[in-house]
Structures are given as C-alpha cells and as structure tokens.
Amino acid sequence: MRVDSPVRAYEERMAALEEGPLRAVRAANAARALAGALEAVAASAGPTRARPHPGGVPAWEAAAAAYVPGRRPDPDG
C-alpha cells in the first residue's frame, strides 16, 4: 500500500472544507482518518527487494562511511 492515495484524499477533503462552525471538527476528523491510513501503510509489511550486503555489517558500515563523509557507526548497534 502506498501513501499517495490517502494523502491525495486528505488534500481533497481539506480543500473542499467549507467555512462554518464545523470546519475545525471536519478538519480534525480528516486528519485522524489520514493518520489511520498512514498507520495502516506502515503496518502493511510486504516483501522487499533488499538483498544482503556482500561482506555483511562491517562492509555495510564501511560503504556507508565512505558514502557519507563524517558518518560513524552507531556504537550501540
């Protein structure tokens, strides 16, 4: 699941809100609906295309340090 659709729906709902006494309530409800949709996206763990890095963690740390100047491995792991 992607975030494009829920975000687009939220933007459309917010753009369509009319002035009035319930505007804030409707905006809050739309924000809660968006939060729920985004939580569902985060919880939907699907297959990834990640592959193990050749050389394991030490090689990954070295590659990251070379790619990002000043980056140091997290000592707490």
Protein backbone atom coordinates (compact mmCIF):
# COMPACT_ATOMS: atom_id res chain seq x y z
CA MET A 1 0.00 0.00 0.00
CA ARG A 2 1.29 3.44 -0.84
CA VAL A 3 0.74 6.80 0.81
CA ASP A 4 -0.16 8.62 -2.41
CA SER A 5 -3.86 7.76 -2.32
CA PRO A 6 -4.59 8.59 1.36
CA VAL A 7 -2.63 11.84 1.15
CA ARG A 8 -4.40 12.86 -2.05
CA ALA A 9 -7.79 12.08 -0.47
CA TYR A 10 -6.86 14.13 2.60
CA GLU A 11 -5.77 17.08 0.47
CA GLU A 12 -9.05 16.93 -1.46
CA ARG A 13 -11.10 16.79 1.75
CA MET A 14 -9.21 19.74 3.21
CA ALA A 15 -9.59 21.79 0.01
CA ALA A 16 -13.34 21.09 -0.03
CA LEU A 17 -13.98 22.19 3.54
CA GLU A 18 -16.48 25.00 3.70
CA GLU A 19 -16.37 27.82 6.22
CA GLY A 20 -18.63 27.33 9.17
CA PRO A 21 -18.83 26.21 12.77
CA LEU A 22 -17.98 22.58 11.96
CA ARG A 23 -14.95 23.29 9.79
CA ALA A 24 -12.46 22.59 12.60
CA VAL A 25 -14.25 19.36 13.56
CA ARG A 26 -14.27 18.15 9.97
CA ALA A 27 -10.60 19.05 9.57
CA ALA A 28 -9.73 17.13 12.74
CA ASN A 29 -11.70 14.11 11.53
CA ALA A 30 -9.91 14.22 8.17
CA ALA A 31 -6.54 14.40 9.96
CA ARG A 32 -7.44 11.39 12.12
CA ALA A 33 -8.53 9.46 9.04
CA LEU A 34 -5.22 10.29 7.33
CA ALA A 35 -3.28 9.20 10.44
CA GLY A 36 -5.15 5.89 10.46
CA ALA A 37 -4.49 5.34 6.78
CA LEU A 38 -0.79 6.10 7.19
CA GLU A 39 -0.56 3.75 10.17
CA ALA A 40 -2.10 1.04 8.00
CA VAL A 41 0.53 1.69 5.35
CA ALA A 42 3.31 1.43 7.93
CA ALA A 43 1.85 -1.78 9.35
CA SER A 44 1.48 -3.46 5.98
CA ALA A 45 4.84 -5.14 5.75
CA GLY A 46 5.18 -6.58 2.31
CA PRO A 47 8.06 -8.24 0.58
CA THR A 48 11.08 -6.09 -0.03
CA ARG A 49 13.69 -6.14 -2.71
CA ALA A 50 16.51 -5.80 -0.22
CA ARG A 51 19.43 -8.15 -0.54
CA PRO A 52 22.14 -8.91 1.99
CA HIS A 53 25.13 -6.64 1.57
CA PRO A 54 28.20 -8.60 0.44
CA GLY A 55 30.60 -8.67 3.38
CA GLY A 56 27.88 -8.25 5.99
CA VAL A 57 27.61 -5.49 8.56
CA PRO A 58 31.29 -4.47 8.54
CA ALA A 59 31.24 -3.97 4.77
CA TRP A 60 27.96 -2.06 5.01
CA GLU A 61 29.38 0.23 7.70
CA ALA A 62 32.49 0.87 5.58
CA ALA A 63 30.37 1.63 2.50
CA ALA A 64 28.14 3.99 4.48
CA ALA A 65 31.16 5.77 5.98
CA ALA A 66 32.68 6.19 2.51
CA TYR A 67 29.42 7.46 1.05
CA VAL A 68 28.55 9.90 3.84
CA PRO A 69 31.61 11.85 5.00
CA GLY A 70 31.84 12.04 8.76
CA ARG A 71 29.41 9.17 9.34
CA ARG A 72 30.44 6.85 12.12
CA PRO A 73 28.81 3.52 13.02
CA ASP A 74 26.44 3.61 15.98
CA PRO A 75 28.35 2.01 18.87
CA ASP A 76 25.05 0.84 20.44
CA GLY A 77 24.26 -1.04 17.25
